[in-house]
């Protein structure tokens, strides 16, 4: 099963739409930022927080950059 197949099946199980190709790329970019700026476990947690915040990619990317600027 590919990454996208797994995510689609997971989304179906939860009753939500899977991320679009653009959303996937933005989430992976956020995960990379978090993982490279902190410890690796920050990556999935940052994506979870972004999802909970309900903001768009530009806003969560800007927030990640502001956090990076603190270090």
PDB file of N, CA and C in Angstrom:
ATOM      1  N   UNK A   1       0.853  -1.173   0.000  1.00  0.00           N
ATOM      2  CA  UNK A   1       0.000   0.000   0.000  1.00  0.00           C
ATOM      3  C   UNK A   1       0.896   1.231   0.000  1.00  0.00           C
ATOM      4  N   UNK A   2       0.571   2.167  -0.881  1.00  0.00           N
ATOM      5  CA  UNK A   2       1.361   3.398  -0.953  1.00  0.00           C
ATOM      6  C   UNK A   2       0.967   4.360   0.165  1.00  0.00           C
ATOM      7  N   UNK A   3       1.761   5.391   0.311  1.00  0.00           N
ATOM      8  CA  UNK A   3       1.469   6.441   1.293  1.00  0.00           C
ATOM      9  C   UNK A   3       0.079   7.018   1.059  1.00  0.00           C
ATOM     10  N   UNK A   4      -0.208   7.384  -0.189  1.00  0.00           N
ATOM     11  CA  UNK A   4      -1.488   8.018  -0.500  1.00  0.00           C
ATOM     12  C   UNK A   4      -2.658   7.064  -0.326  1.00  0.00           C
ATOM     13  N   UNK A   5      -2.474   5.799  -0.651  1.00  0.00           N
ATOM     14  CA  UNK A   5      -3.525   4.802  -0.442  1.00  0.00           C
ATOM     15  C   UNK A   5      -3.812   4.642   1.050  1.00  0.00           C
ATOM     16  N   UNK A   6      -2.754   4.595   1.847  1.00  0.00           N
ATOM     17  CA  UNK A   6      -2.924   4.435   3.289  1.00  0.00           C
ATOM     18  C   UNK A   6      -3.657   5.636   3.872  1.00  0.00           C
ATOM     19  N   UNK A   7      -3.240   6.839   3.464  1.00  0.00           N
ATOM     20  CA  UNK A   7      -3.880   8.061   3.970  1.00  0.00           C
ATOM     21  C   UNK A   7      -5.348   8.105   3.551  1.00  0.00           C
ATOM     22  N   UNK A   8      -5.647   7.731   2.320  1.00  0.00           N
ATOM     23  CA  UNK A   8      -7.036   7.719   1.848  1.00  0.00           C
ATOM     24  C   UNK A   8      -7.873   6.736   2.659  1.00  0.00           C
ATOM     25  N   UNK A   9      -7.338   5.548   2.924  1.00  0.00           N
ATOM     26  CA  UNK A   9      -8.065   4.552   3.720  1.00  0.00           C
ATOM     27  C   UNK A   9      -8.250   5.038   5.157  1.00  0.00           C
ATOM     28  N   UNK A  10      -7.234   5.650   5.711  1.00  0.00           N
ATOM     29  CA  UNK A  10      -7.308   6.190   7.069  1.00  0.00           C
ATOM     30  C   UNK A  10      -8.373   7.286   7.144  1.00  0.00           C
ATOM     31  N   UNK A  11      -8.371   8.181   6.151  1.00  0.00           N
ATOM     32  CA  UNK A  11      -9.361   9.255   6.107  1.00  0.00           C
ATOM     33  C   UNK A  11     -10.775   8.687   6.010  1.00  0.00           C
ATOM     34  N   UNK A  12     -10.961   7.656   5.182  1.00  0.00           N
ATOM     35  CA  UNK A  12     -12.283   7.016   5.079  1.00  0.00           C
ATOM     36  C   UNK A  12     -12.717   6.461   6.427  1.00  0.00           C
ATOM     37  N   UNK A  13     -11.796   5.822   7.136  1.00  0.00           N
ATOM     38  CA  UNK A  13     -12.116   5.256   8.451  1.00  0.00           C
ATOM     39  C   UNK A  13     -12.571   6.333   9.424  1.00  0.00           C
ATOM     40  N   UNK A  14     -12.022   7.521   9.283  1.00  0.00           N
ATOM     41  CA  UNK A  14     -12.363   8.622  10.178  1.00  0.00           C
ATOM     42  C   UNK A  14     -13.511   9.474   9.651  1.00  0.00           C
ATOM     43  N   UNK A  15     -13.967   9.181   8.434  1.00  0.00           N
ATOM     44  CA  UNK A  15     -15.089   9.914   7.867  1.00  0.00           C
ATOM     45  C   UNK A  15     -14.761  11.310   7.389  1.00  0.00           C
ATOM     46  N   UNK A  16     -13.508  11.501   6.944  1.00  0.00           N
ATOM     47  CA  UNK A  16     -13.096  12.809   6.423  1.00  0.00           C
ATOM     48  C   UNK A  16     -12.450  12.619   5.054  1.00  0.00           C
ATOM     49  N   UNK A  17     -12.299  13.721   4.351  1.00  0.00           N
ATOM     50  CA  UNK A  17     -11.617  13.703   3.062  1.00  0.00           C
ATOM     51  C   UNK A  17     -10.105  13.631   3.289  1.00  0.00           C
ATOM     52  N   UNK A  18      -9.395  12.892   2.454  1.00  0.00           N
ATOM     53  CA  UNK A  18      -7.936  12.904   2.554  1.00  0.00           C
ATOM     54  C   UNK A  18      -7.399  14.246   2.070  1.00  0.00           C
ATOM     55  N   UNK A  19      -6.183  14.585   2.438  1.00  0.00           N
ATOM     56  CA  UNK A  19      -5.619  15.852   1.973  1.00  0.00           C
ATOM     57  C   UNK A  19      -5.412  15.824   0.460  1.00  0.00           C
ATOM     58  N   UNK A  20      -5.570  16.989  -0.152  1.00  0.00           N
ATOM     59  CA  UNK A  20      -5.280  17.127  -1.579  1.00  0.00           C
ATOM     60  C   UNK A  20      -3.771  17.000  -1.788  1.00  0.00           C
ATOM     61  N   UNK A  21      -3.359  16.923  -3.031  1.00  0.00           N
ATOM     62  CA  UNK A  21      -1.922  16.855  -3.335  1.00  0.00           C
ATOM     63  C   UNK A  21      -1.209  18.090  -2.786  1.00  0.00           C
ATOM     64  N   UNK A  22      -1.836  19.260  -2.934  1.00  0.00           N
ATOM     65  CA  UNK A  22      -1.229  20.498  -2.428  1.00  0.00           C
ATOM     66  C   UNK A  22      -1.151  20.484  -0.907  1.00  0.00           C
ATOM     67  N   UNK A  23      -2.219  20.052  -0.253  1.00  0.00           N
ATOM     68  CA  UNK A  23      -2.217  19.975   1.207  1.00  0.00           C
ATOM     69  C   UNK A  23      -1.173  18.986   1.700  1.00  0.00           C
ATOM     70  N   UNK A  24      -1.042  17.872   0.995  1.00  0.00           N
ATOM     71  CA  UNK A  24      -0.036  16.873   1.364  1.00  0.00           C
ATOM     72  C   UNK A  24       1.351  17.481   1.323  1.00  0.00           C
ATOM     73  N   UNK A  25       1.654  18.211   0.259  1.00  0.00           N
ATOM     74  CA  UNK A  25       2.981  18.832   0.137  1.00  0.00           C
ATOM     75  C   UNK A  25       3.218  19.857   1.239  1.00  0.00           C
ATOM     76  N   UNK A  26       2.192  20.645   1.568  1.00  0.00           N
ATOM     77  CA  UNK A  26       2.338  21.637   2.633  1.00  0.00           C
ATOM     78  C   UNK A  26       2.550  20.971   3.993  1.00  0.00           C
ATOM     79  N   UNK A  27       1.812  19.893   4.244  1.00  0.00           N
ATOM     80  CA  UNK A  27       1.986  19.173   5.518  1.00  0.00           C
ATOM     81  C   UNK A  27       3.366  18.530   5.600  1.00  0.00           C
ATOM     82  N   UNK A  28       3.839  17.979   4.491  1.00  0.00           N
ATOM     83  CA  UNK A  28       5.176  17.381   4.493  1.00  0.00           C
ATOM     84  C   UNK A  28       6.253  18.444   4.691  1.00  0.00           C
ATOM     85  N   UNK A  29       6.021  19.623   4.132  1.00  0.00           N
ATOM     86  CA  UNK A  29       6.962  20.738   4.332  1.00  0.00           C
ATOM     87  C   UNK A  29       6.978  21.145   5.813  1.00  0.00           C
ATOM     88  N   UNK A  30       5.792  21.227   6.422  1.00  0.00           N
ATOM     89  CA  UNK A  30       5.714  21.547   7.848  1.00  0.00           C
ATOM     90  C   UNK A  30       6.420  20.480   8.674  1.00  0.00           C
ATOM     91  N   UNK A  31       6.178  19.214   8.343  1.00  0.00           N
ATOM     92  CA  UNK A  31       6.821  18.117   9.079  1.00  0.00           C
ATOM     93  C   UNK A  31       8.339  18.212   8.974  1.00  0.00           C
ATOM     94  N   UNK A  32       8.833  18.521   7.794  1.00  0.00           N
ATOM     95  CA  UNK A  32      10.285  18.653   7.609  1.00  0.00           C
ATOM     96  C   UNK A  32      10.844  19.807   8.435  1.00  0.00           C
ATOM     97  N   UNK A  33      10.129  20.926   8.430  1.00  0.00           N
ATOM     98  CA  UNK A  33      10.571  22.079   9.222  1.00  0.00           C
ATOM     99  C   UNK A  33      10.655  21.712  10.697  1.00  0.00           C
ATOM    100  N   UNK A  34       9.602  21.086  11.197  1.00  0.00           N
ATOM    101  CA  UNK A  34       9.584  20.713  12.618  1.00  0.00           C
ATOM    102  C   UNK A  34      10.669  19.700  12.946  1.00  0.00           C
ATOM    103  N   UNK A  35      10.830  18.699  12.101  1.00  0.00           N
ATOM    104  CA  UNK A  35      11.814  17.646  12.368  1.00  0.00           C
ATOM    105  C   UNK A  35      13.241  18.167  12.314  1.00  0.00           C
ATOM    106  N   UNK A  36      13.505  19.099  11.413  1.00  0.00           N
ATOM    107  CA  UNK A  36      14.868  19.604  11.276  1.00  0.00           C
ATOM    108  C   UNK A  36      15.183  20.727  12.253  1.00  0.00           C
ATOM    109  N   UNK A  37      14.152  21.319  12.825  1.00  0.00           N
ATOM    110  CA  UNK A  37      14.364  22.416  13.764  1.00  0.00           C
ATOM    111  C   UNK A  37      14.318  21.968  15.211  1.00  0.00           C
ATOM    112  N   UNK A  38      13.902  20.736  15.426  1.00  0.00           N
ATOM    113  CA  UNK A  38      13.714  20.215  16.771  1.00  0.00           C
ATOM    114  C   UNK A  38      14.056  18.736  16.741  1.00  0.00           C
ATOM    115  N   UNK A  39      13.336  17.971  17.507  1.00  0.00           N
ATOM    116  CA  UNK A  39      13.490  16.521  17.480  1.00  0.00           C
ATOM    117  C   UNK A  39      12.505  15.941  16.470  1.00  0.00           C
ATOM    118  N   UNK A  40      12.821  14.805  15.885  1.00  0.00           N
ATOM    119  CA  UNK A  40      11.960  14.194  14.868  1.00  0.00           C
ATOM    120  C   UNK A  40      10.508  14.024  15.295  1.00  0.00           C
ATOM    121  N   UNK A  41      10.220  13.640  16.544  1.00  0.00           N
ATOM    122  CA  UNK A  41       8.813  13.482  16.931  1.00  0.00           C
ATOM    123  C   UNK A  41       8.000  14.773  16.846  1.00  0.00           C
ATOM    124  N   UNK A  42       8.659  15.912  16.696  1.00  0.00           N
ATOM    125  CA  UNK A  42       7.923  17.167  16.544  1.00  0.00           C
ATOM    126  C   UNK A  42       7.155  17.208  15.227  1.00  0.00           C
ATOM    127  N   UNK A  43       7.598  16.455  14.222  1.00  0.00           N
ATOM    128  CA  UNK A  43       6.976  16.499  12.895  1.00  0.00           C
ATOM    129  C   UNK A  43       5.510  16.076  12.912  1.00  0.00           C
ATOM    130  N   UNK A  44       5.176  14.873  13.369  1.00  0.00           N
ATOM    131  CA  UNK A  44       3.752  14.509  13.349  1.00  0.00           C
ATOM    132  C   UNK A  44       2.932  15.339  14.326  1.00  0.00           C
ATOM    133  N   UNK A  45       3.542  15.736  15.417  1.00  0.00           N
ATOM    134  CA  UNK A  45       2.812  16.541  16.388  1.00  0.00           C
ATOM    135  C   UNK A  45       2.500  17.931  15.828  1.00  0.00           C
ATOM    136  N   UNK A  46       3.437  18.513  15.085  1.00  0.00           N
ATOM    137  CA  UNK A  46       3.195  19.816  14.457  1.00  0.00           C
ATOM    138  C   UNK A  46       2.050  19.716  13.455  1.00  0.00           C
ATOM    139  N   UNK A  47       2.006  18.627  12.698  1.00  0.00           N
ATOM    140  CA  UNK A  47       0.913  18.435  11.731  1.00  0.00           C
ATOM    141  C   UNK A  47      -0.418  18.277  12.453  1.00  0.00           C
ATOM    142  N   UNK A  48      -0.415  17.591  13.564  1.00  0.00           N
ATOM    143  CA  UNK A  48      -1.639  17.429  14.354  1.00  0.00           C
ATOM    144  C   UNK A  48      -2.119  18.783  14.858  1.00  0.00           C
ATOM    145  N   UNK A  49      -1.192  19.587  15.380  1.00  0.00           N
ATOM    146  CA  UNK A  49      -1.548  20.912  15.887  1.00  0.00           C
ATOM    147  C   UNK A  49      -2.092  21.779  14.751  1.00  0.00           C
ATOM    148  N   UNK A  50      -1.454  21.732  13.587  1.00  0.00           N
ATOM    149  CA  UNK A  50      -1.927  22.516  12.441  1.00  0.00           C
ATOM    150  C   UNK A  50      -3.343  22.109  12.061  1.00  0.00           C
ATOM    151  N   UNK A  51      -3.616  20.818  12.070  1.00  0.00           N
ATOM    152  CA  UNK A  51      -4.964  20.345  11.760  1.00  0.00           C
ATOM    153  C   UNK A  51      -5.985  20.804  12.780  1.00  0.00           C
ATOM    154  N   UNK A  52      -5.606  20.759  14.031  1.00  0.00           N
ATOM    155  CA  UNK A  52      -6.510  21.195  15.105  1.00  0.00           C
ATOM    156  C   UNK A  52      -6.773  22.698  15.030  1.00  0.00           C
ATOM    157  N   UNK A  53      -5.769  23.454  14.579  1.00  0.00           N
ATOM    158  CA  UNK A  53      -5.910  24.908  14.518  1.00  0.00           C
ATOM    159  C   UNK A  53      -6.885  25.321  13.425  1.00  0.00           C
ATOM    160  N   UNK A  54      -7.035  24.487  12.415  1.00  0.00           N
ATOM    161  CA  UNK A  54      -7.967  24.790  11.344  1.00  0.00           C
ATOM    162  C   UNK A  54      -7.568  25.990  10.505  1.00  0.00           C
ATOM    163  N   UNK A  55      -6.273  26.230  10.379  1.00  0.00           N
ATOM    164  CA  UNK A  55      -5.783  27.349   9.586  1.00  0.00           C
ATOM    165  C   UNK A  55      -5.215  26.832   8.270  1.00  0.00           C
ATOM    166  N   UNK A  56      -5.043  27.723   7.335  1.00  0.00           N
ATOM    167  CA  UNK A  56      -4.488  27.354   6.040  1.00  0.00           C
ATOM    168  C   UNK A  56      -2.980  27.168   6.095  1.00  0.00           C
ATOM    169  N   UNK A  57      -2.461  26.646   4.996  1.00  0.00           N
ATOM    170  CA  UNK A  57      -1.034  26.343   4.918  1.00  0.00           C
ATOM    171  C   UNK A  57      -0.160  27.573   5.113  1.00  0.00           C
ATOM    172  N   UNK A  58      -0.545  28.687   4.531  1.00  0.00           N
ATOM    173  CA  UNK A  58       0.277  29.896   4.667  1.00  0.00           C
ATOM    174  C   UNK A  58       0.399  30.293   6.134  1.00  0.00           C
ATOM    175  N   UNK A  59      -0.708  30.153   6.855  1.00  0.00           N
ATOM    176  CA  UNK A  59      -0.683  30.548   8.272  1.00  0.00           C
ATOM    177  C   UNK A  59       0.142  29.578   9.112  1.00  0.00           C
ATOM    178  N   UNK A  60      -0.004  28.253   8.877  1.00  0.00           N
ATOM    179  CA  UNK A  60       0.802  27.350   9.711  1.00  0.00           C
ATOM    180  C   UNK A  60       2.268  27.370   9.316  1.00  0.00           C
ATOM    181  N   UNK A  61       2.569  27.655   8.053  1.00  0.00           N
ATOM    182  CA  UNK A  61       3.978  27.787   7.659  1.00  0.00           C
ATOM    183  C   UNK A  61       4.584  29.033   8.301  1.00  0.00           C
ATOM    184  N   UNK A  62       3.824  30.124   8.332  1.00  0.00           N
ATOM    185  CA  UNK A  62       4.317  31.359   8.966  1.00  0.00           C
ATOM    186  C   UNK A  62       4.539  31.146  10.463  1.00  0.00           C
ATOM    187  N   UNK A  63       3.631  30.432  11.098  1.00  0.00           N
ATOM    188  CA  UNK A  63       3.795  30.152  12.528  1.00  0.00           C
ATOM    189  C   UNK A  63       5.045  29.318  12.772  1.00  0.00           C
ATOM    190  N   UNK A  64       5.272  28.321  11.912  1.00  0.00           N
ATOM    191  CA  UNK A  64       6.479  27.488  12.054  1.00  0.00           C
ATOM    192  C   UNK A  64       7.736  28.348  11.885  1.00  0.00           C
ATOM    193  N   UNK A  65       7.704  29.286  10.956  1.00  0.00           N
ATOM    194  CA  UNK A  65       8.862  30.154  10.767  1.00  0.00           C
ATOM    195  C   UNK A  65       9.090  31.046  11.982  1.00  0.00           C
ATOM    196  N   UNK A  66       8.008  31.537  12.573  1.00  0.00           N
ATOM    197  CA  UNK A  66       8.160  32.369  13.780  1.00  0.00           C
ATOM    198  C   UNK A  66       8.765  31.552  14.916  1.00  0.00           C
ATOM    199  N   UNK A  67       8.359  30.296  15.040  1.00  0.00           N
ATOM    200  CA  UNK A  67       8.946  29.436  16.079  1.00  0.00           C
ATOM    201  C   UNK A  67      10.425  29.235  15.794  1.00  0.00           C
ATOM    202  N   UNK A  68      10.774  28.996  14.529  1.00  0.00           N
ATOM    203  CA  UNK A  68      12.190  28.832  14.171  1.00  0.00           C
ATOM    204  C   UNK A  68      12.995  30.074  14.489  1.00  0.00           C
ATOM    205  N   UNK A  69      12.386  31.237  14.299  1.00  0.00           N
ATOM    206  CA  UNK A  69      13.090  32.498  14.559  1.00  0.00           C
ATOM    207  C   UNK A  69      13.392  32.681  16.044  1.00  0.00           C
ATOM    208  N   UNK A  70      12.666  31.976  16.916  1.00  0.00           N
ATOM    209  CA  UNK A  70      12.897  32.060  18.356  1.00  0.00           C
ATOM    210  C   UNK A  70      14.176  31.345  18.765  1.00  0.00           C
ATOM    211  N   UNK A  71      14.610  30.401  17.955  1.00  0.00           N
ATOM    212  CA  UNK A  71      15.785  29.596  18.323  1.00  0.00           C
ATOM    213  C   UNK A  71      17.062  30.200  17.818  1.00  0.00           C
TER     214      UNK A  71
END
